[in-house]
């Protein structure tokens, strides 16, 4: 069983910064893709940023230049540094992974999600 646990959400003023972290646990040898999505009540979940194990990153246009995603493949972690936060960034942020190779070298054909962490940007 693969679990993703997020930390680092909270309340921040506009223009401030937050860092989200996510750690994957379970019988994992490697993870191909890890990333972050966010969701506001009543709206669809949207991609924020993803990063593959080889290093390529993808960002939503709305966060380019302000958010930075990073990974530690050995520790099975993914972080999201969020700078110059705007009120529109208020959402529940969820960690995501795809392409898990188990410790027995079995490819896991499933997407995994964390429970989410609330980020609120407000003065």
PDB file of N, CA and C in Angstrom:
ATOM      1  N   UNK A   1       0.843  -1.177   0.000  1.00  0.00           N
ATOM      2  CA  UNK A   1       0.000   0.000   0.000  1.00  0.00           C
ATOM      3  C   UNK A   1       0.890   1.243   0.000  1.00  0.00           C
ATOM      4  N   UNK A   2       0.644   2.114  -0.944  1.00  0.00           N
ATOM      5  CA  UNK A   2       1.408   3.353  -1.064  1.00  0.00           C
ATOM      6  C   UNK A   2       0.626   4.472  -0.405  1.00  0.00           C
ATOM      7  N   UNK A   3       1.308   5.254   0.410  1.00  0.00           N
ATOM      8  CA  UNK A   3       0.671   6.406   1.041  1.00  0.00           C
ATOM      9  C   UNK A   3       1.475   7.657   0.756  1.00  0.00           C
ATOM     10  N   UNK A   4       0.758   8.743   0.540  1.00  0.00           N
ATOM     11  CA  UNK A   4       1.366  10.058   0.367  1.00  0.00           C
ATOM     12  C   UNK A   4       0.874  10.954   1.490  1.00  0.00           C
ATOM     13  N   UNK A   5       1.797  11.595   2.181  1.00  0.00           N
ATOM     14  CA  UNK A   5       1.438  12.455   3.297  1.00  0.00           C
ATOM     15  C   UNK A   5       2.033  13.835   3.073  1.00  0.00           C
ATOM     16  N   UNK A   6       1.137  14.831   3.065  1.00  0.00           N
ATOM     17  CA  UNK A   6       1.565  16.211   2.838  1.00  0.00           C
ATOM     18  C   UNK A   6       1.746  16.948   4.165  1.00  0.00           C
ATOM     19  N   UNK A   7       2.521  18.009   4.104  1.00  0.00           N
ATOM     20  CA  UNK A   7       2.671  18.908   5.242  1.00  0.00           C
ATOM     21  C   UNK A   7       3.039  20.287   4.714  1.00  0.00           C
ATOM     22  N   UNK A   8       2.823  21.297   5.554  1.00  0.00           N
ATOM     23  CA  UNK A   8       3.299  22.626   5.215  1.00  0.00           C
ATOM     24  C   UNK A   8       2.245  23.636   4.825  1.00  0.00           C
ATOM     25  N   UNK A   9       0.996  23.241   4.779  1.00  0.00           N
ATOM     26  CA  UNK A   9      -0.038  24.212   4.443  1.00  0.00           C
ATOM     27  C   UNK A   9      -0.272  25.187   5.580  1.00  0.00           C
ATOM     28  N   UNK A  10      -1.125  26.172   5.321  1.00  0.00           N
ATOM     29  CA  UNK A  10      -1.447  27.130   6.363  1.00  0.00           C
ATOM     30  C   UNK A  10      -1.965  28.426   5.800  1.00  0.00           C
ATOM     31  N   UNK A  11      -1.969  29.436   6.654  1.00  0.00           N
ATOM     32  CA  UNK A  11      -2.447  30.765   6.296  1.00  0.00           C
ATOM     33  C   UNK A  11      -1.256  31.680   6.047  1.00  0.00           C
ATOM     34  N   UNK A  12      -1.298  32.399   4.949  1.00  0.00           N
ATOM     35  CA  UNK A  12      -0.218  33.318   4.609  1.00  0.00           C
ATOM     36  C   UNK A  12      -0.810  34.561   3.980  1.00  0.00           C
ATOM     37  N   UNK A  13      -0.157  35.688   4.185  1.00  0.00           N
ATOM     38  CA  UNK A  13      -0.635  36.933   3.586  1.00  0.00           C
ATOM     39  C   UNK A  13      -0.260  37.000   2.111  1.00  0.00           C
ATOM     40  N   UNK A  14      -1.010  37.749   1.343  1.00  0.00           N
ATOM     41  CA  UNK A  14      -0.635  37.941  -0.077  1.00  0.00           C
ATOM     42  C   UNK A  14       0.801  38.440  -0.188  1.00  0.00           C
ATOM     43  N   UNK A  15       1.519  37.847  -1.143  1.00  0.00           N
ATOM     44  CA  UNK A  15       2.924  38.192  -1.315  1.00  0.00           C
ATOM     45  C   UNK A  15       3.865  37.325  -0.505  1.00  0.00           C
ATOM     46  N   UNK A  16       3.312  36.528   0.388  1.00  0.00           N
ATOM     47  CA  UNK A  16       4.130  35.675   1.233  1.00  0.00           C
ATOM     48  C   UNK A  16       4.516  34.373   0.561  1.00  0.00           C
ATOM     49  N   UNK A  17       5.174  33.516   1.339  1.00  0.00           N
ATOM     50  CA  UNK A  17       5.673  32.245   0.826  1.00  0.00           C
ATOM     51  C   UNK A  17       5.256  31.095   1.730  1.00  0.00           C
ATOM     52  N   UNK A  18       5.128  29.946   1.121  1.00  0.00           N
ATOM     53  CA  UNK A  18       4.897  28.688   1.844  1.00  0.00           C
ATOM     54  C   UNK A  18       5.639  27.587   1.126  1.00  0.00           C
ATOM     55  N   UNK A  19       6.002  26.580   1.884  1.00  0.00           N
ATOM     56  CA  UNK A  19       6.640  25.405   1.288  1.00  0.00           C
ATOM     57  C   UNK A  19       5.838  24.181   1.679  1.00  0.00           C
ATOM     58  N   UNK A  20       5.392  23.449   0.682  1.00  0.00           N
ATOM     59  CA  UNK A  20       4.681  22.195   0.900  1.00  0.00           C
ATOM     60  C   UNK A  20       5.633  21.028   0.699  1.00  0.00           C
ATOM     61  N   UNK A  21       5.454  20.000   1.505  1.00  0.00           N
ATOM     62  CA  UNK A  21       6.256  18.798   1.374  1.00  0.00           C
ATOM     63  C   UNK A  21       5.361  17.570   1.337  1.00  0.00           C
ATOM     64  N   UNK A  22       5.833  16.559   0.656  1.00  0.00           N
ATOM     65  CA  UNK A  22       5.083  15.310   0.554  1.00  0.00           C
ATOM     66  C   UNK A  22       6.081  14.159   0.593  1.00  0.00           C
ATOM     67  N   UNK A  23       5.758  13.155   1.371  1.00  0.00           N
ATOM     68  CA  UNK A  23       6.603  11.974   1.424  1.00  0.00           C
ATOM     69  C   UNK A  23       5.766  10.750   1.105  1.00  0.00           C
ATOM     70  N   UNK A  24       6.311   9.901   0.271  1.00  0.00           N
ATOM     71  CA  UNK A  24       5.655   8.643  -0.097  1.00  0.00           C
ATOM     72  C   UNK A  24       6.218   7.520   0.753  1.00  0.00           C
ATOM     73  N   UNK A  25       5.336   6.644   1.206  1.00  0.00           N
ATOM     74  CA  UNK A  25       5.779   5.503   2.010  1.00  0.00           C
ATOM     75  C   UNK A  25       5.142   4.232   1.497  1.00  0.00           C
ATOM     76  N   UNK A  26       5.759   3.122   1.821  1.00  0.00           N
ATOM     77  CA  UNK A  26       5.290   1.822   1.358  1.00  0.00           C
ATOM     78  C   UNK A  26       6.444   1.085   0.710  1.00  0.00           C
ATOM     79  N   UNK A  27       6.121  -0.004   0.070  1.00  0.00           N
ATOM     80  CA  UNK A  27       7.147  -0.827  -0.580  1.00  0.00           C
ATOM     81  C   UNK A  27       7.463  -0.246  -1.961  1.00  0.00           C
ATOM     82  N   UNK A  28       8.275   0.783  -1.953  1.00  0.00           N
ATOM     83  CA  UNK A  28       8.547   1.535  -3.176  1.00  0.00           C
ATOM     84  C   UNK A  28      10.015   1.426  -3.548  1.00  0.00           C
ATOM     85  N   UNK A  29      10.257   1.089  -4.816  1.00  0.00           N
ATOM     86  CA  UNK A  29      11.623   1.163  -5.332  1.00  0.00           C
ATOM     87  C   UNK A  29      11.861   2.510  -5.997  1.00  0.00           C
ATOM     88  N   UNK A  30      10.894   2.944  -6.790  1.00  0.00           N
ATOM     89  CA  UNK A  30      11.033   4.233  -7.463  1.00  0.00           C
ATOM     90  C   UNK A  30       9.658   4.755  -7.842  1.00  0.00           C
ATOM     91  N   UNK A  31       9.601   6.048  -8.097  1.00  0.00           N
ATOM     92  CA  UNK A  31       8.366   6.700  -8.541  1.00  0.00           C
ATOM     93  C   UNK A  31       8.687   7.536  -9.760  1.00  0.00           C
ATOM     94  N   UNK A  32       7.959   7.323 -10.833  1.00  0.00           N
ATOM     95  CA  UNK A  32       8.243   8.055 -12.068  1.00  0.00           C
ATOM     96  C   UNK A  32       7.840   9.525 -11.951  1.00  0.00           C
ATOM     97  N   UNK A  33       6.625   9.779 -11.574  1.00  0.00           N
ATOM     98  CA  UNK A  33       6.141  11.152 -11.548  1.00  0.00           C
ATOM     99  C   UNK A  33       5.552  11.480 -10.181  1.00  0.00           C
ATOM    100  N   UNK A  34       5.919  12.631  -9.682  1.00  0.00           N
ATOM    101  CA  UNK A  34       5.313  13.160  -8.458  1.00  0.00           C
ATOM    102  C   UNK A  34       4.951  14.612  -8.712  1.00  0.00           C
ATOM    103  N   UNK A  35       3.936  15.061  -8.013  1.00  0.00           N
ATOM    104  CA  UNK A  35       3.562  16.445  -8.235  1.00  0.00           C
ATOM    105  C   UNK A  35       2.479  16.932  -7.311  1.00  0.00           C
ATOM    106  N   UNK A  36       1.941  18.090  -7.667  1.00  0.00           N
ATOM    107  CA  UNK A  36       0.931  18.763  -6.857  1.00  0.00           C
ATOM    108  C   UNK A  36      -0.235  19.221  -7.727  1.00  0.00           C
ATOM    109  N   UNK A  37      -1.410  18.998  -7.200  1.00  0.00           N
ATOM    110  CA  UNK A  37      -2.642  19.515  -7.767  1.00  0.00           C
ATOM    111  C   UNK A  37      -3.342  20.325  -6.684  1.00  0.00           C
ATOM    112  N   UNK A  38      -4.288  21.148  -7.093  1.00  0.00           N
ATOM    113  CA  UNK A  38      -5.060  21.904  -6.119  1.00  0.00           C
ATOM    114  C   UNK A  38      -6.521  21.955  -6.539  1.00  0.00           C
ATOM    115  N   UNK A  39      -7.372  22.165  -5.538  1.00  0.00           N
ATOM    116  CA  UNK A  39      -8.803  22.198  -5.806  1.00  0.00           C
ATOM    117  C   UNK A  39      -9.492  23.186  -4.893  1.00  0.00           C
ATOM    118  N   UNK A  40     -10.383  23.943  -5.489  1.00  0.00           N
ATOM    119  CA  UNK A  40     -11.245  24.878  -4.773  1.00  0.00           C
ATOM    120  C   UNK A  40     -12.647  24.289  -4.788  1.00  0.00           C
ATOM    121  N   UNK A  41     -13.400  24.398  -3.702  1.00  0.00           N
ATOM    122  CA  UNK A  41     -14.765  23.853  -3.692  1.00  0.00           C
ATOM    123  C   UNK A  41     -15.583  24.341  -4.883  1.00  0.00           C
ATOM    124  N   UNK A  42     -16.222  23.403  -5.546  1.00  0.00           N
ATOM    125  CA  UNK A  42     -17.064  23.739  -6.679  1.00  0.00           C
ATOM    126  C   UNK A  42     -16.331  23.802  -8.005  1.00  0.00           C
ATOM    127  N   UNK A  43     -15.012  23.613  -7.967  1.00  0.00           N
ATOM    128  CA  UNK A  43     -14.232  23.653  -9.209  1.00  0.00           C
ATOM    129  C   UNK A  43     -13.459  22.352  -9.383  1.00  0.00           C
ATOM    130  N   UNK A  44     -13.030  22.134 -10.625  1.00  0.00           N
ATOM    131  CA  UNK A  44     -12.248  20.933 -10.911  1.00  0.00           C
ATOM    132  C   UNK A  44     -10.846  21.050 -10.326  1.00  0.00           C
ATOM    133  N   UNK A  45     -10.306  19.892  -9.987  1.00  0.00           N
ATOM    134  CA  UNK A  45      -8.923  19.856  -9.528  1.00  0.00           C
ATOM    135  C   UNK A  45      -8.020  20.244 -10.704  1.00  0.00           C
ATOM    136  N   UNK A  46      -7.004  21.041 -10.418  1.00  0.00           N
ATOM    137  CA  UNK A  46      -6.112  21.489 -11.482  1.00  0.00           C
ATOM    138  C   UNK A  46      -4.655  21.205 -11.126  1.00  0.00           C
ATOM    139  N   UNK A  47      -3.891  20.974 -12.181  1.00  0.00           N
ATOM    140  CA  UNK A  47      -2.466  20.728 -12.013  1.00  0.00           C
ATOM    141  C   UNK A  47      -1.770  22.007 -11.571  1.00  0.00           C
ATOM    142  N   UNK A  48      -0.849  21.850 -10.614  1.00  0.00           N
ATOM    143  CA  UNK A  48      -0.004  22.972 -10.206  1.00  0.00           C
ATOM    144  C   UNK A  48       1.395  22.771 -10.778  1.00  0.00           C
ATOM    145  N   UNK A  49       1.986  21.631 -10.449  1.00  0.00           N
ATOM    146  CA  UNK A  49       3.328  21.321 -10.938  1.00  0.00           C
ATOM    147  C   UNK A  49       3.589  19.835 -10.791  1.00  0.00           C
ATOM    148  N   UNK A  50       4.338  19.284 -11.741  1.00  0.00           N
ATOM    149  CA  UNK A  50       4.765  17.897 -11.652  1.00  0.00           C
ATOM    150  C   UNK A  50       6.232  17.802 -12.040  1.00  0.00           C
ATOM    151  N   UNK A  51       6.827  16.696 -11.615  1.00  0.00           N
ATOM    152  CA  UNK A  51       8.241  16.482 -11.921  1.00  0.00           C
ATOM    153  C   UNK A  51       8.487  14.993 -12.069  1.00  0.00           C
ATOM    154  N   UNK A  52       9.137  14.607 -13.148  1.00  0.00           N
ATOM    155  CA  UNK A  52       9.463  13.203 -13.347  1.00  0.00           C
ATOM    156  C   UNK A  52      10.827  12.910 -12.737  1.00  0.00           C
ATOM    157  N   UNK A  53      11.099  11.651 -12.577  1.00  0.00           N
ATOM    158  CA  UNK A  53      12.321  11.248 -11.880  1.00  0.00           C
ATOM    159  C   UNK A  53      13.581  11.699 -12.606  1.00  0.00           C
ATOM    160  N   UNK A  54      13.468  11.888 -13.910  1.00  0.00           N
ATOM    161  CA  UNK A  54      14.622  12.345 -14.676  1.00  0.00           C
ATOM    162  C   UNK A  54      14.893  13.831 -14.559  1.00  0.00           C
ATOM    163  N   UNK A  55      13.925  14.572 -13.983  1.00  0.00           N
ATOM    164  CA  UNK A  55      14.165  15.980 -13.726  1.00  0.00           C
ATOM    165  C   UNK A  55      13.278  16.956 -14.476  1.00  0.00           C
ATOM    166  N   UNK A  56      12.587  16.523 -15.508  1.00  0.00           N
ATOM    167  CA  UNK A  56      11.719  17.446 -16.257  1.00  0.00           C
ATOM    168  C   UNK A  56      10.551  17.896 -15.386  1.00  0.00           C
ATOM    169  N   UNK A  57      10.262  19.180 -15.471  1.00  0.00           N
ATOM    170  CA  UNK A  57       9.194  19.786 -14.673  1.00  0.00           C
ATOM    171  C   UNK A  57       8.107  20.355 -15.581  1.00  0.00           C
ATOM    172  N   UNK A  58       6.886  20.350 -15.064  1.00  0.00           N
ATOM    173  CA  UNK A  58       5.745  20.981 -15.726  1.00  0.00           C
ATOM    174  C   UNK A  58       5.050  21.876 -14.717  1.00  0.00           C
ATOM    175  N   UNK A  59       4.707  23.087 -15.145  1.00  0.00           N
ATOM    176  CA  UNK A  59       4.025  24.036 -14.273  1.00  0.00           C
ATOM    177  C   UNK A  59       2.761  24.555 -14.946  1.00  0.00           C
ATOM    178  N   UNK A  60       1.757  24.840 -14.124  1.00  0.00           N
ATOM    179  CA  UNK A  60       0.617  25.587 -14.633  1.00  0.00           C
ATOM    180  C   UNK A  60       1.084  26.995 -14.986  1.00  0.00           C
ATOM    181  N   UNK A  61       0.512  27.563 -16.026  1.00  0.00           N
ATOM    182  CA  UNK A  61       0.912  28.905 -16.447  1.00  0.00           C
ATOM    183  C   UNK A  61       0.760  29.921 -15.317  1.00  0.00           C
ATOM    184  N   UNK A  62      -0.250  29.727 -14.489  1.00  0.00           N
ATOM    185  CA  UNK A  62      -0.549  30.690 -13.434  1.00  0.00           C
ATOM    186  C   UNK A  62       0.502  30.730 -12.326  1.00  0.00           C
ATOM    187  N   UNK A  63       1.373  29.730 -12.260  1.00  0.00           N
ATOM    188  CA  UNK A  63       2.357  29.689 -11.173  1.00  0.00           C
ATOM    189  C   UNK A  63       3.796  29.789 -11.677  1.00  0.00           C
ATOM    190  N   UNK A  64       3.992  29.786 -12.978  1.00  0.00           N
ATOM    191  CA  UNK A  64       5.346  29.838 -13.533  1.00  0.00           C
ATOM    192  C   UNK A  64       6.081  31.080 -13.034  1.00  0.00           C
ATOM    193  N   UNK A  65       7.312  30.862 -12.617  1.00  0.00           N
ATOM    194  CA  UNK A  65       8.122  31.970 -12.133  1.00  0.00           C
ATOM    195  C   UNK A  65       7.950  32.258 -10.652  1.00  0.00           C
ATOM    196  N   UNK A  66       6.939  31.677 -10.043  1.00  0.00           N
ATOM    197  CA  UNK A  66       6.700  31.923  -8.611  1.00  0.00           C
ATOM    198  C   UNK A  66       6.773  30.640  -7.783  1.00  0.00           C
ATOM    199  N   UNK A  67       6.392  29.512  -8.371  1.00  0.00           N
ATOM    200  CA  UNK A  67       6.429  28.231  -7.678  1.00  0.00           C
ATOM    201  C   UNK A  67       7.575  27.394  -8.227  1.00  0.00           C
ATOM    202  N   UNK A  68       8.188  26.597  -7.354  1.00  0.00           N
ATOM    203  CA  UNK A  68       9.264  25.700  -7.774  1.00  0.00           C
ATOM    204  C   UNK A  68       9.036  24.323  -7.161  1.00  0.00           C
ATOM    205  N   UNK A  69       9.037  23.318  -8.020  1.00  0.00           N
ATOM    206  CA  UNK A  69       8.886  21.949  -7.549  1.00  0.00           C
ATOM    207  C   UNK A  69      10.256  21.283  -7.521  1.00  0.00           C
ATOM    208  N   UNK A  70      10.468  20.458  -6.498  1.00  0.00           N
ATOM    209  CA  UNK A  70      11.729  19.731  -6.388  1.00  0.00           C
ATOM    210  C   UNK A  70      11.457  18.352  -5.801  1.00  0.00           C
ATOM    211  N   UNK A  71      12.362  17.439  -6.071  1.00  0.00           N
ATOM    212  CA  UNK A  71      12.196  16.054  -5.603  1.00  0.00           C
ATOM    213  C   UNK A  71      13.501  15.542  -5.041  1.00  0.00           C
ATOM    214  N   UNK A  72      13.354  14.579  -4.139  1.00  0.00           N
ATOM    215  CA  UNK A  72      14.477  13.758  -3.702  1.00  0.00           C
ATOM    216  C   UNK A  72      14.062  12.318  -4.010  1.00  0.00           C
ATOM    217  N   UNK A  73      14.586  11.776  -5.102  1.00  0.00           N
ATOM    218  CA  UNK A  73      14.140  10.454  -5.543  1.00  0.00           C
ATOM    219  C   UNK A  73      14.458   9.381  -4.502  1.00  0.00           C
ATOM    220  N   UNK A  74      15.582   9.503  -3.874  1.00  0.00           N
ATOM    221  CA  UNK A  74      15.979   8.492  -2.884  1.00  0.00           C
ATOM    222  C   UNK A  74      15.073   8.512  -1.661  1.00  0.00           C
ATOM    223  N   UNK A  75      14.671   9.701  -1.251  1.00  0.00           N
ATOM    224  CA  UNK A  75      13.822   9.829  -0.058  1.00  0.00           C
ATOM    225  C   UNK A  75      12.336   9.753  -0.398  1.00  0.00           C
ATOM    226  N   UNK A  76      12.005   9.712  -1.684  1.00  0.00           N
ATOM    227  CA  UNK A  76      10.614   9.618  -2.132  1.00  0.00           C
ATOM    228  C   UNK A  76       9.824  10.846  -1.667  1.00  0.00           C
ATOM    229  N   UNK A  77      10.403  12.002  -1.807  1.00  0.00           N
ATOM    230  CA  UNK A  77       9.742  13.234  -1.408  1.00  0.00           C
ATOM    231  C   UNK A  77       9.612  14.191  -2.592  1.00  0.00           C
ATOM    232  N   UNK A  78       8.610  15.038  -2.492  1.00  0.00           N
ATOM    233  CA  UNK A  78       8.440  16.117  -3.456  1.00  0.00           C
ATOM    234  C   UNK A  78       8.012  17.357  -2.684  1.00  0.00           C
ATOM    235  N   UNK A  79       8.640  18.468  -2.989  1.00  0.00           N
ATOM    236  CA  UNK A  79       8.346  19.739  -2.336  1.00  0.00           C
ATOM    237  C   UNK A  79       7.837  20.752  -3.352  1.00  0.00           C
ATOM    238  N   UNK A  80       7.087  21.699  -2.833  1.00  0.00           N
ATOM    239  CA  UNK A  80       6.602  22.801  -3.675  1.00  0.00           C
ATOM    240  C   UNK A  80       6.871  24.097  -2.929  1.00  0.00           C
ATOM    241  N   UNK A  81       7.804  24.881  -3.426  1.00  0.00           N
ATOM    242  CA  UNK A  81       8.085  26.200  -2.867  1.00  0.00           C
ATOM    243  C   UNK A  81       7.201  27.205  -3.570  1.00  0.00           C
ATOM    244  N   UNK A  82       6.368  27.893  -2.794  1.00  0.00           N
ATOM    245  CA  UNK A  82       5.415  28.841  -3.365  1.00  0.00           C
ATOM    246  C   UNK A  82       5.765  30.242  -2.889  1.00  0.00           C
ATOM    247  N   UNK A  83       6.116  31.098  -3.822  1.00  0.00           N
ATOM    248  CA  UNK A  83       6.475  32.483  -3.508  1.00  0.00           C
ATOM    249  C   UNK A  83       5.479  33.447  -4.139  1.00  0.00           C
ATOM    250  N   UNK A  84       5.484  34.666  -3.630  1.00  0.00           N
ATOM    251  CA  UNK A  84       4.601  35.717  -4.165  1.00  0.00           C
ATOM    252  C   UNK A  84       3.166  35.210  -4.285  1.00  0.00           C
ATOM    253  N   UNK A  85       2.689  34.639  -3.216  1.00  0.00           N
ATOM    254  CA  UNK A  85       1.365  34.025  -3.243  1.00  0.00           C
ATOM    255  C   UNK A  85       0.259  35.059  -3.399  1.00  0.00           C
ATOM    256  N   UNK A  86      -0.743  34.668  -4.158  1.00  0.00           N
ATOM    257  CA  UNK A  86      -1.898  35.522  -4.422  1.00  0.00           C
ATOM    258  C   UNK A  86      -3.137  34.888  -3.794  1.00  0.00           C
ATOM    259  N   UNK A  87      -4.156  35.684  -3.492  1.00  0.00           N
ATOM    260  CA  UNK A  87      -5.386  35.109  -2.931  1.00  0.00           C
ATOM    261  C   UNK A  87      -5.973  33.994  -3.793  1.00  0.00           C
ATOM    262  N   UNK A  88      -5.776  34.073  -5.089  1.00  0.00           N
ATOM    263  CA  UNK A  88      -6.287  33.037  -5.989  1.00  0.00           C
ATOM    264  C   UNK A  88      -5.632  31.677  -5.803  1.00  0.00           C
ATOM    265  N   UNK A  89      -4.560  31.633  -5.039  1.00  0.00           N
ATOM    266  CA  UNK A  89      -3.882  30.362  -4.777  1.00  0.00           C
ATOM    267  C   UNK A  89      -4.542  29.587  -3.636  1.00  0.00           C
ATOM    268  N   UNK A  90      -5.501  30.203  -2.987  1.00  0.00           N
ATOM    269  CA  UNK A  90      -6.199  29.519  -1.892  1.00  0.00           C
ATOM    270  C   UNK A  90      -6.889  28.269  -2.414  1.00  0.00           C
ATOM    271  N   UNK A  91      -6.559  27.129  -1.826  1.00  0.00           N
ATOM    272  CA  UNK A  91      -7.096  25.848  -2.278  1.00  0.00           C
ATOM    273  C   UNK A  91      -6.583  24.744  -1.365  1.00  0.00           C
ATOM    274  N   UNK A  92      -7.116  23.556  -1.578  1.00  0.00           N
ATOM    275  CA  UNK A  92      -6.530  22.368  -0.963  1.00  0.00           C
ATOM    276  C   UNK A  92      -5.522  21.807  -1.955  1.00  0.00           C
ATOM    277  N   UNK A  93      -4.294  21.655  -1.499  1.00  0.00           N
ATOM    278  CA  UNK A  93      -3.217  21.160  -2.353  1.00  0.00           C
ATOM    279  C   UNK A  93      -2.970  19.684  -2.031  1.00  0.00           C
ATOM    280  N   UNK A  94      -2.963  18.884  -3.078  1.00  0.00           N
ATOM    281  CA  UNK A  94      -2.793  17.436  -2.892  1.00  0.00           C
ATOM    282  C   UNK A  94      -1.560  16.942  -3.633  1.00  0.00           C
ATOM    283  N   UNK A  95      -0.859  16.081  -2.974  1.00  0.00           N
ATOM    284  CA  UNK A  95       0.294  15.416  -3.571  1.00  0.00           C
ATOM    285  C   UNK A  95      -0.190  14.261  -4.451  1.00  0.00           C
ATOM    286  N   UNK A  96       0.530  14.010  -5.515  1.00  0.00           N
ATOM    287  CA  UNK A  96       0.116  13.009  -6.509  1.00  0.00           C
ATOM    288  C   UNK A  96       1.337  12.221  -6.975  1.00  0.00           C
ATOM    289  N   UNK A  97       1.140  10.953  -7.220  1.00  0.00           N
ATOM    290  CA  UNK A  97       2.217  10.175  -7.819  1.00  0.00           C
ATOM    291  C   UNK A  97       1.662   9.175  -8.821  1.00  0.00           C
ATOM    292  N   UNK A  98       2.493   8.882  -9.791  1.00  0.00           N
ATOM    293  CA  UNK A  98       2.116   7.914 -10.837  1.00  0.00           C
ATOM    294  C   UNK A  98       3.371   7.195 -11.289  1.00  0.00           C
ATOM    295  N   UNK A  99       3.203   5.935 -11.671  1.00  0.00           N
ATOM    296  CA  UNK A  99       4.359   5.187 -12.145  1.00  0.00           C
ATOM    297  C   UNK A  99       5.243   4.682 -11.015  1.00  0.00           C
ATOM    298  N   UNK A 100       4.595   4.058 -10.029  1.00  0.00           N
ATOM    299  CA  UNK A 100       5.346   3.515  -8.909  1.00  0.00           C
ATOM    300  C   UNK A 100       5.868   2.122  -9.260  1.00  0.00           C
ATOM    301  N   UNK A 101       7.140   1.919  -8.998  1.00  0.00           N
ATOM    302  CA  UNK A 101       7.754   0.595  -9.121  1.00  0.00           C
ATOM    303  C   UNK A 101       7.992   0.098  -7.701  1.00  0.00           C
ATOM    304  N   UNK A 102       7.383  -1.026  -7.379  1.00  0.00           N
ATOM    305  CA  UNK A 102       7.478  -1.520  -6.002  1.00  0.00           C
ATOM    306  C   UNK A 102       8.859  -2.095  -5.727  1.00  0.00           C
ATOM    307  N   UNK A 103       9.074  -2.389  -4.467  1.00  0.00           N
ATOM    308  CA  UNK A 103      10.372  -2.948  -4.079  1.00  0.00           C
ATOM    309  C   UNK A 103      10.576  -4.350  -4.646  1.00  0.00           C
ATOM    310  N   UNK A 104       9.503  -4.981  -5.103  1.00  0.00           N
ATOM    311  CA  UNK A 104       9.620  -6.292  -5.755  1.00  0.00           C
ATOM    312  C   UNK A 104       9.664  -6.144  -7.278  1.00  0.00           C
ATOM    313  N   UNK A 105       9.864  -4.901  -7.730  1.00  0.00           N
ATOM    314  CA  UNK A 105       9.985  -4.591  -9.160  1.00  0.00           C
ATOM    315  C   UNK A 105       8.687  -4.849  -9.910  1.00  0.00           C
ATOM    316  N   UNK A 106       7.587  -4.622  -9.233  1.00  0.00           N
ATOM    317  CA  UNK A 106       6.272  -4.700  -9.864  1.00  0.00           C
ATOM    318  C   UNK A 106       5.783  -3.295 -10.158  1.00  0.00           C
ATOM    319  N   UNK A 107       5.343  -3.074 -11.378  1.00  0.00           N
ATOM    320  CA  UNK A 107       4.824  -1.755 -11.748  1.00  0.00           C
ATOM    321  C   UNK A 107       3.411  -1.612 -11.205  1.00  0.00           C
ATOM    322  N   UNK A 108       3.194  -0.555 -10.420  1.00  0.00           N
ATOM    323  CA  UNK A 108       1.887  -0.280  -9.848  1.00  0.00           C
ATOM    324  C   UNK A 108       1.074   0.525 -10.856  1.00  0.00           C
ATOM    325  N   UNK A 109      -0.022  -0.051 -11.328  1.00  0.00           N
ATOM    326  CA  UNK A 109      -0.840   0.632 -12.323  1.00  0.00           C
ATOM    327  C   UNK A 109      -1.931   1.443 -11.631  1.00  0.00           C
ATOM    328  N   UNK A 110      -1.523   2.440 -10.900  1.00  0.00           N
ATOM    329  CA  UNK A 110      -2.499   3.233 -10.162  1.00  0.00           C
ATOM    330  C   UNK A 110      -1.952   4.632  -9.921  1.00  0.00           C
ATOM    331  N   UNK A 111      -2.870   5.557  -9.785  1.00  0.00           N
ATOM    332  CA  UNK A 111      -2.516   6.900  -9.341  1.00  0.00           C
ATOM    333  C   UNK A 111      -2.698   6.964  -7.831  1.00  0.00           C
ATOM    334  N   UNK A 112      -1.831   7.686  -7.173  1.00  0.00           N
ATOM    335  CA  UNK A 112      -1.924   7.816  -5.725  1.00  0.00           C
ATOM    336  C   UNK A 112      -2.051   9.290  -5.364  1.00  0.00           C
ATOM    337  N   UNK A 113      -2.884   9.530  -4.361  1.00  0.00           N
ATOM    338  CA  UNK A 113      -3.143  10.895  -3.904  1.00  0.00           C
ATOM    339  C   UNK A 113      -2.976  10.978  -2.394  1.00  0.00           C
ATOM    340  N   UNK A 114      -2.480  12.122  -1.947  1.00  0.00           N
ATOM    341  CA  UNK A 114      -2.480  12.412  -0.531  1.00  0.00           C
ATOM    342  C   UNK A 114      -3.838  12.951  -0.108  1.00  0.00           C
ATOM    343  N   UNK A 115      -3.991  13.176   1.174  1.00  0.00           N
ATOM    344  CA  UNK A 115      -5.277  13.660   1.693  1.00  0.00           C
ATOM    345  C   UNK A 115      -5.464  15.149   1.464  1.00  0.00           C
ATOM    346  N   UNK A 116      -4.403  15.850   1.213  1.00  0.00           N
ATOM    347  CA  UNK A 116      -4.504  17.271   0.926  1.00  0.00           C
ATOM    348  C   UNK A 116      -4.161  18.147   2.119  1.00  0.00           C
ATOM    349  N   UNK A 117      -3.664  19.327   1.822  1.00  0.00           N
ATOM    350  CA  UNK A 117      -3.351  20.302   2.854  1.00  0.00           C
ATOM    351  C   UNK A 117      -3.896  21.668   2.415  1.00  0.00           C
ATOM    352  N   UNK A 118      -4.516  22.358   3.343  1.00  0.00           N
ATOM    353  CA  UNK A 118      -5.154  23.631   3.011  1.00  0.00           C
ATOM    354  C   UNK A 118      -4.120  24.754   2.953  1.00  0.00           C
ATOM    355  N   UNK A 119      -4.190  25.509   1.891  1.00  0.00           N
ATOM    356  CA  UNK A 119      -3.399  26.733   1.752  1.00  0.00           C
ATOM    357  C   UNK A 119      -4.379  27.891   1.613  1.00  0.00           C
ATOM    358  N   UNK A 120      -4.257  28.858   2.498  1.00  0.00           N
ATOM    359  CA  UNK A 120      -5.127  30.030   2.460  1.00  0.00           C
ATOM    360  C   UNK A 120      -4.270  31.282   2.364  1.00  0.00           C
ATOM    361  N   UNK A 121      -4.528  32.067   1.333  1.00  0.00           N
ATOM    362  CA  UNK A 121      -3.801  33.315   1.126  1.00  0.00           C
ATOM    363  C   UNK A 121      -4.772  34.458   1.366  1.00  0.00           C
ATOM    364  N   UNK A 122      -4.569  35.143   2.475  1.00  0.00           N
ATOM    365  CA  UNK A 122      -5.526  36.193   2.862  1.00  0.00           C
ATOM    366  C   UNK A 122      -4.856  37.164   3.824  1.00  0.00           C
ATOM    367  N   UNK A 123      -5.288  38.403   3.746  1.00  0.00           N
ATOM    368  CA  UNK A 123      -4.791  39.412   4.686  1.00  0.00           C
ATOM    369  C   UNK A 123      -5.722  39.530   5.884  1.00  0.00           C
TER     370      UNK A 123
END
